[in-house]
Amino acid sequence: MPDTGTLRGDLLAALTVTGEARAAFFAIAAAAAFSGLVAGTGLTPAQVRDQLMRARPLSNVTVCQRAHDRGEIDLDRIPAAVLALPFDLVRHDLLMHLERLKPARIRSIVDELFLPLVHHHHNEPGSAGAA
């Protein structure tokens, strides 16, 4: 995982690397799924995705833990769903578009969606455990 010294920098780098590394994988997985190879398993698309991702999960733990250790965020105040959001969106975009994310999309995920939510929960009194 990248260590740029800031949550924003780490996320931009991690999401870029993740998107580039996983684009081909998602294209192959989607082609297999849509061609009916997983139709006979009885699994939902979400279950298939979970099984595929279990082998090499996209993890926000390192990025967020470093930011917490630097004092940028308080992990106890930010819901797990918010912390997972940028990686969930990268997975979504990879599956929907079957190509690596453009830098502008990654910046949008980090700057327009994730960081405002993190700052809201980080600065909101009594937000620990909020969902």
N, C-alpha and C. Protein backbone atom coordinates (compact mmCIF):
# COMPACT_ATOMS: atom_id res chain seq x y z
N MET A 1 0.84 -1.17 0.00
CA MET A 1 0.00 0.00 0.00
C MET A 1 0.88 1.24 0.00
N PRO A 2 0.48 2.24 -0.74
CA PRO A 2 1.26 3.48 -0.77
C PRO A 2 1.25 4.19 0.57
N ASP A 3 2.30 4.96 0.81
CA ASP A 3 2.39 5.76 2.04
C ASP A 3 2.89 7.14 1.64
N THR A 4 1.95 8.02 1.28
CA THR A 4 2.32 9.36 0.82
C THR A 4 2.38 10.36 1.95
N GLY A 5 1.86 9.97 3.11
CA GLY A 5 1.86 10.88 4.25
C GLY A 5 0.54 11.56 4.51
N THR A 6 -0.44 11.35 3.61
CA THR A 6 -1.78 11.92 3.84
C THR A 6 -2.82 10.89 3.42
N LEU A 7 -3.99 10.97 4.05
CA LEU A 7 -5.10 10.09 3.69
C LEU A 7 -5.46 10.27 2.22
N ARG A 8 -5.58 11.51 1.78
CA ARG A 8 -5.96 11.78 0.38
C ARG A 8 -4.93 11.19 -0.58
N GLY A 9 -3.67 11.46 -0.32
CA GLY A 9 -2.62 10.96 -1.20
C GLY A 9 -2.57 9.44 -1.22
N ASP A 10 -2.69 8.83 -0.05
CA ASP A 10 -2.68 7.37 0.02
C ASP A 10 -3.85 6.77 -0.75
N LEU A 11 -5.03 7.36 -0.59
CA LEU A 11 -6.21 6.84 -1.28
C LEU A 11 -6.09 7.01 -2.79
N LEU A 12 -5.67 8.18 -3.23
CA LEU A 12 -5.51 8.38 -4.67
C LEU A 12 -4.55 7.35 -5.26
N ALA A 13 -3.43 7.13 -4.59
CA ALA A 13 -2.44 6.16 -5.08
C ALA A 13 -2.99 4.74 -5.02
N ALA A 14 -3.61 4.37 -3.91
CA ALA A 14 -4.13 3.01 -3.75
C ALA A 14 -5.24 2.71 -4.75
N LEU A 15 -6.14 3.64 -4.94
CA LEU A 15 -7.24 3.41 -5.88
C LEU A 15 -6.74 3.36 -7.32
N THR A 16 -5.75 4.16 -7.64
CA THR A 16 -5.17 4.12 -8.98
C THR A 16 -4.52 2.78 -9.25
N VAL A 17 -3.69 2.33 -8.33
CA VAL A 17 -3.01 1.04 -8.49
C VAL A 17 -4.03 -0.09 -8.55
N THR A 18 -5.01 -0.03 -7.67
CA THR A 18 -6.04 -1.07 -7.63
C THR A 18 -6.81 -1.12 -8.94
N GLY A 19 -7.23 0.02 -9.42
CA GLY A 19 -7.98 0.06 -10.67
C GLY A 19 -7.18 -0.47 -11.84
N GLU A 20 -5.92 -0.11 -11.91
CA GLU A 20 -5.07 -0.58 -13.00
C GLU A 20 -4.83 -2.08 -12.90
N ALA A 21 -4.57 -2.56 -11.70
CA ALA A 21 -4.25 -3.97 -11.51
C ALA A 21 -5.46 -4.87 -11.70
N ARG A 22 -6.63 -4.38 -11.41
CA ARG A 22 -7.82 -5.23 -11.42
C ARG A 22 -8.69 -5.12 -12.65
N ALA A 23 -8.40 -4.20 -13.53
CA ALA A 23 -9.27 -3.99 -14.69
C ALA A 23 -9.41 -5.27 -15.52
N ALA A 24 -8.31 -5.93 -15.84
CA ALA A 24 -8.36 -7.15 -16.65
C ALA A 24 -9.09 -8.26 -15.90
N PHE A 25 -8.83 -8.38 -14.61
CA PHE A 25 -9.49 -9.40 -13.79
C PHE A 25 -11.01 -9.22 -13.84
N PHE A 26 -11.48 -8.00 -13.68
CA PHE A 26 -12.91 -7.76 -13.68
C PHE A 26 -13.51 -8.03 -15.06
N ALA A 27 -12.79 -7.72 -16.10
CA ALA A 27 -13.30 -7.98 -17.44
C ALA A 27 -13.49 -9.48 -17.65
N ILE A 28 -12.53 -10.27 -17.22
CA ILE A 28 -12.62 -11.73 -17.36
C ILE A 28 -13.73 -12.29 -16.48
N ALA A 29 -13.77 -11.83 -15.22
CA ALA A 29 -14.80 -12.32 -14.30
C ALA A 29 -16.20 -11.97 -14.79
N ALA A 30 -16.37 -10.76 -15.29
CA ALA A 30 -17.68 -10.35 -15.79
C ALA A 30 -18.07 -11.15 -17.02
N ALA A 31 -17.11 -11.37 -17.91
CA ALA A 31 -17.40 -12.15 -19.10
C ALA A 31 -17.83 -13.56 -18.73
N ALA A 32 -17.15 -14.16 -17.77
CA ALA A 32 -17.51 -15.51 -17.32
C ALA A 32 -18.90 -15.51 -16.70
N ALA A 33 -19.16 -14.54 -15.86
CA ALA A 33 -20.46 -14.48 -15.18
C ALA A 33 -21.59 -14.28 -16.17
N PHE A 34 -21.40 -13.34 -17.09
CA PHE A 34 -22.46 -13.03 -18.03
C PHE A 34 -22.64 -14.10 -19.09
N SER A 35 -21.64 -14.93 -19.29
CA SER A 35 -21.77 -15.99 -20.29
C SER A 35 -22.46 -17.21 -19.70
N GLY A 36 -22.81 -17.17 -18.42
CA GLY A 36 -23.57 -18.25 -17.83
C GLY A 36 -22.72 -19.25 -17.06
N LEU A 37 -21.43 -19.03 -16.97
CA LEU A 37 -20.58 -19.99 -16.28
C LEU A 37 -20.89 -20.07 -14.79
N VAL A 38 -21.42 -19.01 -14.21
CA VAL A 38 -21.77 -19.05 -12.79
C VAL A 38 -23.27 -19.19 -12.58
N ALA A 39 -24.02 -19.28 -13.65
CA ALA A 39 -25.48 -19.34 -13.52
C ALA A 39 -25.93 -20.59 -12.77
N GLY A 40 -25.23 -21.69 -12.94
CA GLY A 40 -25.62 -22.94 -12.31
C GLY A 40 -25.20 -23.06 -10.85
N THR A 41 -24.54 -22.07 -10.30
CA THR A 41 -24.06 -22.17 -8.93
C THR A 41 -25.14 -21.86 -7.91
N GLY A 42 -26.18 -21.14 -8.29
CA GLY A 42 -27.22 -20.74 -7.36
C GLY A 42 -26.83 -19.53 -6.52
N LEU A 43 -25.69 -18.92 -6.83
CA LEU A 43 -25.22 -17.75 -6.09
C LEU A 43 -25.77 -16.47 -6.69
N THR A 44 -25.96 -15.47 -5.85
CA THR A 44 -26.35 -14.16 -6.34
C THR A 44 -25.11 -13.47 -6.91
N PRO A 45 -25.28 -12.42 -7.71
CA PRO A 45 -24.10 -11.68 -8.19
C PRO A 45 -23.23 -11.16 -7.04
N ALA A 46 -23.86 -10.72 -5.96
CA ALA A 46 -23.08 -10.23 -4.81
C ALA A 46 -22.26 -11.35 -4.18
N GLN A 47 -22.82 -12.55 -4.10
CA GLN A 47 -22.07 -13.68 -3.54
C GLN A 47 -20.91 -14.08 -4.44
N VAL A 48 -21.12 -14.04 -5.75
CA VAL A 48 -20.03 -14.34 -6.69
C VAL A 48 -18.93 -13.30 -6.52
N ARG A 49 -19.31 -12.02 -6.45
CA ARG A 49 -18.32 -10.96 -6.25
C ARG A 49 -17.55 -11.18 -4.96
N ASP A 50 -18.26 -11.50 -3.88
CA ASP A 50 -17.59 -11.73 -2.60
C ASP A 50 -16.58 -12.87 -2.68
N GLN A 51 -16.95 -13.94 -3.37
CA GLN A 51 -16.02 -15.06 -3.51
C GLN A 51 -14.81 -14.68 -4.34
N LEU A 52 -15.04 -13.93 -5.41
CA LEU A 52 -13.92 -13.48 -6.25
C LEU A 52 -13.00 -12.55 -5.47
N MET A 53 -13.59 -11.67 -4.67
CA MET A 53 -12.79 -10.68 -3.95
C MET A 53 -12.09 -11.28 -2.73
N ARG A 54 -12.58 -12.39 -2.22
CA ARG A 54 -11.97 -13.00 -1.05
C ARG A 54 -10.52 -13.41 -1.34
N ALA A 55 -10.25 -13.79 -2.56
CA ALA A 55 -8.90 -14.22 -2.90
C ALA A 55 -7.91 -13.05 -2.81
N ARG A 56 -8.31 -11.88 -3.25
CA ARG A 56 -7.46 -10.69 -3.22
C ARG A 56 -8.31 -9.49 -2.89
N PRO A 57 -8.67 -9.32 -1.62
CA PRO A 57 -9.58 -8.24 -1.26
C PRO A 57 -8.95 -6.86 -1.43
N LEU A 58 -9.81 -5.90 -1.76
CA LEU A 58 -9.39 -4.51 -1.77
C LEU A 58 -9.50 -4.03 -0.33
N SER A 59 -8.40 -3.63 0.25
CA SER A 59 -8.42 -3.30 1.67
C SER A 59 -8.17 -1.83 1.89
N ASN A 60 -9.02 -1.24 2.69
CA ASN A 60 -8.84 0.15 3.10
C ASN A 60 -8.21 0.22 4.48
N VAL A 61 -7.98 -0.94 5.09
CA VAL A 61 -7.51 -0.98 6.48
C VAL A 61 -6.17 -0.27 6.64
N THR A 62 -5.21 -0.57 5.79
CA THR A 62 -3.89 0.03 5.92
C THR A 62 -3.95 1.53 5.72
N VAL A 63 -4.62 1.98 4.69
CA VAL A 63 -4.73 3.40 4.38
C VAL A 63 -5.39 4.14 5.54
N CYS A 64 -6.50 3.61 6.01
CA CYS A 64 -7.24 4.29 7.09
C CYS A 64 -6.50 4.21 8.41
N GLN A 65 -5.84 3.09 8.69
CA GLN A 65 -5.09 2.98 9.94
C GLN A 65 -3.93 3.97 9.96
N ARG A 66 -3.25 4.13 8.85
CA ARG A 66 -2.16 5.12 8.79
C ARG A 66 -2.70 6.52 9.04
N ALA A 67 -3.84 6.84 8.42
CA ALA A 67 -4.43 8.18 8.62
C ALA A 67 -4.83 8.36 10.08
N HIS A 68 -5.34 7.33 10.69
CA HIS A 68 -5.71 7.37 12.11
C HIS A 68 -4.46 7.60 12.96
N ASP A 69 -3.40 6.85 12.66
CA ASP A 69 -2.15 6.97 13.42
C ASP A 69 -1.54 8.36 13.29
N ARG A 70 -1.74 9.01 12.14
CA ARG A 70 -1.22 10.37 11.93
C ARG A 70 -2.14 11.41 12.56
N GLY A 71 -3.31 11.01 13.03
CA GLY A 71 -4.26 11.95 13.64
C GLY A 71 -5.18 12.63 12.64
N GLU A 72 -5.18 12.18 11.38
CA GLU A 72 -6.06 12.78 10.38
C GLU A 72 -7.51 12.41 10.59
N ILE A 73 -7.76 11.19 11.04
CA ILE A 73 -9.12 10.71 11.27
C ILE A 73 -9.16 9.92 12.57
N ASP A 74 -10.38 9.72 13.07
CA ASP A 74 -10.60 8.89 14.25
C ASP A 74 -11.46 7.71 13.80
N LEU A 75 -10.85 6.54 13.71
CA LEU A 75 -11.56 5.37 13.19
C LEU A 75 -12.78 4.99 14.02
N ASP A 76 -12.80 5.37 15.28
CA ASP A 76 -13.94 5.06 16.13
C ASP A 76 -15.17 5.91 15.81
N ARG A 77 -14.99 6.99 15.08
CA ARG A 77 -16.09 7.91 14.79
C ARG A 77 -16.64 7.76 13.37
N ILE A 78 -15.98 6.98 12.55
CA ILE A 78 -16.37 6.88 11.14
C ILE A 78 -16.95 5.49 10.87
N PRO A 79 -18.18 5.43 10.38
CA PRO A 79 -18.80 4.12 10.11
C PRO A 79 -18.00 3.29 9.10
N ALA A 80 -18.03 1.99 9.29
CA ALA A 80 -17.32 1.08 8.39
C ALA A 80 -17.75 1.25 6.94
N ALA A 81 -19.03 1.54 6.72
CA ALA A 81 -19.53 1.73 5.35
C ALA A 81 -18.85 2.92 4.67
N VAL A 82 -18.58 3.97 5.43
CA VAL A 82 -17.89 5.13 4.87
C VAL A 82 -16.45 4.77 4.54
N LEU A 83 -15.80 4.04 5.43
CA LEU A 83 -14.41 3.66 5.20
C LEU A 83 -14.26 2.74 3.99
N ALA A 84 -15.25 1.91 3.74
CA ALA A 84 -15.21 0.98 2.62
C ALA A 84 -15.60 1.63 1.29
N LEU A 85 -16.25 2.78 1.36
CA LEU A 85 -16.84 3.41 0.18
C LEU A 85 -15.90 3.55 -1.02
N PRO A 86 -14.69 4.12 -0.88
CA PRO A 86 -13.89 4.31 -2.10
C PRO A 86 -13.54 3.00 -2.79
N PHE A 87 -13.27 1.95 -2.02
CA PHE A 87 -12.93 0.66 -2.63
C PHE A 87 -14.16 -0.01 -3.21
N ASP A 88 -15.32 0.16 -2.57
CA ASP A 88 -16.56 -0.36 -3.14
C ASP A 88 -16.88 0.32 -4.47
N LEU A 89 -16.66 1.62 -4.54
CA LEU A 89 -16.93 2.35 -5.79
C LEU A 89 -15.97 1.95 -6.90
N VAL A 90 -14.72 1.70 -6.55
CA VAL A 90 -13.76 1.23 -7.56
C VAL A 90 -14.21 -0.12 -8.10
N ARG A 91 -14.59 -1.04 -7.21
CA ARG A 91 -15.09 -2.35 -7.65
C ARG A 91 -16.31 -2.18 -8.55
N HIS A 92 -17.23 -1.31 -8.15
CA HIS A 92 -18.43 -1.07 -8.95
C HIS A 92 -18.05 -0.57 -10.34
N ASP A 93 -17.21 0.44 -10.39
CA ASP A 93 -16.85 1.01 -11.68
C ASP A 93 -16.11 0.00 -12.56
N LEU A 94 -15.24 -0.80 -11.95
CA LEU A 94 -14.54 -1.83 -12.72
C LEU A 94 -15.53 -2.83 -13.31
N LEU A 95 -16.49 -3.24 -12.53
CA LEU A 95 -17.47 -4.21 -13.00
C LEU A 95 -18.39 -3.62 -14.06
N MET A 96 -18.77 -2.37 -13.90
CA MET A 96 -19.69 -1.76 -14.83
C MET A 96 -19.04 -1.36 -16.16
N HIS A 97 -17.76 -0.96 -16.09
CA HIS A 97 -17.11 -0.43 -17.30
C HIS A 97 -16.04 -1.36 -17.86
N LEU A 98 -15.58 -2.33 -17.06
CA LEU A 98 -14.60 -3.31 -17.49
C LEU A 98 -13.31 -2.68 -18.01
N GLU A 99 -12.94 -1.56 -17.42
CA GLU A 99 -11.68 -0.91 -17.76
C GLU A 99 -11.21 -0.11 -16.55
N ARG A 100 -9.93 0.24 -16.55
CA ARG A 100 -9.38 0.98 -15.41
C ARG A 100 -10.07 2.34 -15.30
N LEU A 101 -10.10 2.83 -14.08
CA LEU A 101 -10.75 4.12 -13.83
C LEU A 101 -9.87 5.26 -14.29
N LYS A 102 -10.50 6.28 -14.80
CA LYS A 102 -9.77 7.48 -15.21
C LYS A 102 -9.36 8.25 -13.95
N PRO A 103 -8.23 8.95 -14.00
CA PRO A 103 -7.78 9.72 -12.83
C PRO A 103 -8.84 10.68 -12.30
N ALA A 104 -9.62 11.29 -13.18
CA ALA A 104 -10.65 12.23 -12.73
C ALA A 104 -11.72 11.51 -11.90
N ARG A 105 -12.06 10.28 -12.26
CA ARG A 105 -13.04 9.51 -11.49
C ARG A 105 -12.48 9.17 -10.11
N ILE A 106 -11.23 8.80 -10.03
CA ILE A 106 -10.61 8.48 -8.74
C ILE A 106 -10.58 9.73 -7.86
N ARG A 107 -10.19 10.87 -8.43
CA ARG A 107 -10.21 12.12 -7.65
C ARG A 107 -11.61 12.45 -7.17
N SER A 108 -12.61 12.21 -8.01
CA SER A 108 -13.99 12.48 -7.64
C SER A 108 -14.42 11.59 -6.47
N ILE A 109 -14.09 10.32 -6.52
CA ILE A 109 -14.43 9.40 -5.43
C ILE A 109 -13.82 9.88 -4.12
N VAL A 110 -12.55 10.27 -4.18
CA VAL A 110 -11.84 10.68 -2.96
C VAL A 110 -12.30 12.06 -2.50
N ASP A 111 -12.27 13.04 -3.39
CA ASP A 111 -12.49 14.44 -3.00
C ASP A 111 -13.95 14.84 -2.84
N GLU A 112 -14.84 14.26 -3.66
CA GLU A 112 -16.23 14.69 -3.64
C GLU A 112 -17.14 13.77 -2.83
N LEU A 113 -16.73 12.52 -2.64
CA LEU A 113 -17.58 11.57 -1.92
C LEU A 113 -16.98 11.15 -0.59
N PHE A 114 -15.79 10.57 -0.63
CA PHE A 114 -15.22 9.98 0.58
C PHE A 114 -14.78 11.01 1.61
N LEU A 115 -13.92 11.94 1.23
CA LEU A 115 -13.39 12.89 2.22
C LEU A 115 -14.47 13.74 2.88
N PRO A 116 -15.48 14.23 2.14
CA PRO A 116 -16.54 14.97 2.84
C PRO A 116 -17.29 14.11 3.88
N LEU A 117 -17.52 12.85 3.56
CA LEU A 117 -18.18 11.96 4.53
C LEU A 117 -17.28 11.70 5.74
N VAL A 118 -16.01 11.48 5.50
CA VAL A 118 -15.06 11.25 6.60
C VAL A 118 -15.01 12.48 7.50
N HIS A 119 -14.89 13.65 6.91
CA HIS A 119 -14.81 14.87 7.71
C HIS A 119 -16.11 15.13 8.48
N HIS A 120 -17.23 14.81 7.87
CA HIS A 120 -18.52 14.96 8.56
C HIS A 120 -18.55 14.11 9.83
N HIS A 121 -18.19 12.85 9.69
CA HIS A 121 -18.23 11.95 10.85
C HIS A 121 -17.10 12.24 11.83
N HIS A 122 -15.97 12.64 11.31
CA HIS A 122 -14.82 12.94 12.18
C HIS A 122 -15.10 14.16 13.06
N ASN A 123 -15.81 15.12 12.50
CA ASN A 123 -16.04 16.38 13.21
C ASN A 123 -17.38 16.43 13.95
N GLU A 124 -18.26 15.46 13.72
CA GLU A 124 -19.58 15.47 14.34
C GLU A 124 -19.50 14.92 15.77
N PRO A 125 -19.97 15.69 16.74
CA PRO A 125 -19.95 15.20 18.12
C PRO A 125 -20.85 13.97 18.27
N GLY A 126 -20.35 12.99 18.98
CA GLY A 126 -21.15 11.80 19.29
C GLY A 126 -21.45 10.92 18.11
N SER A 127 -20.61 10.94 17.07
CA SER A 127 -20.90 10.15 15.89
C SER A 127 -20.35 8.74 15.96
N ALA A 128 -19.67 8.38 17.03
CA ALA A 128 -19.12 7.03 17.14
C ALA A 128 -20.24 6.01 17.03
N GLY A 129 -20.00 5.04 16.14
CA GLY A 129 -20.96 3.98 15.96
C GLY A 129 -22.15 4.36 15.10
N ALA A 130 -22.18 5.57 14.57
CA ALA A 130 -23.30 5.98 13.72
C ALA A 130 -23.28 5.18 12.43
N ALA A 131 -24.42 4.90 11.93
CA ALA A 131 -24.47 4.12 10.69
C ALA A 131 -25.03 4.96 9.57
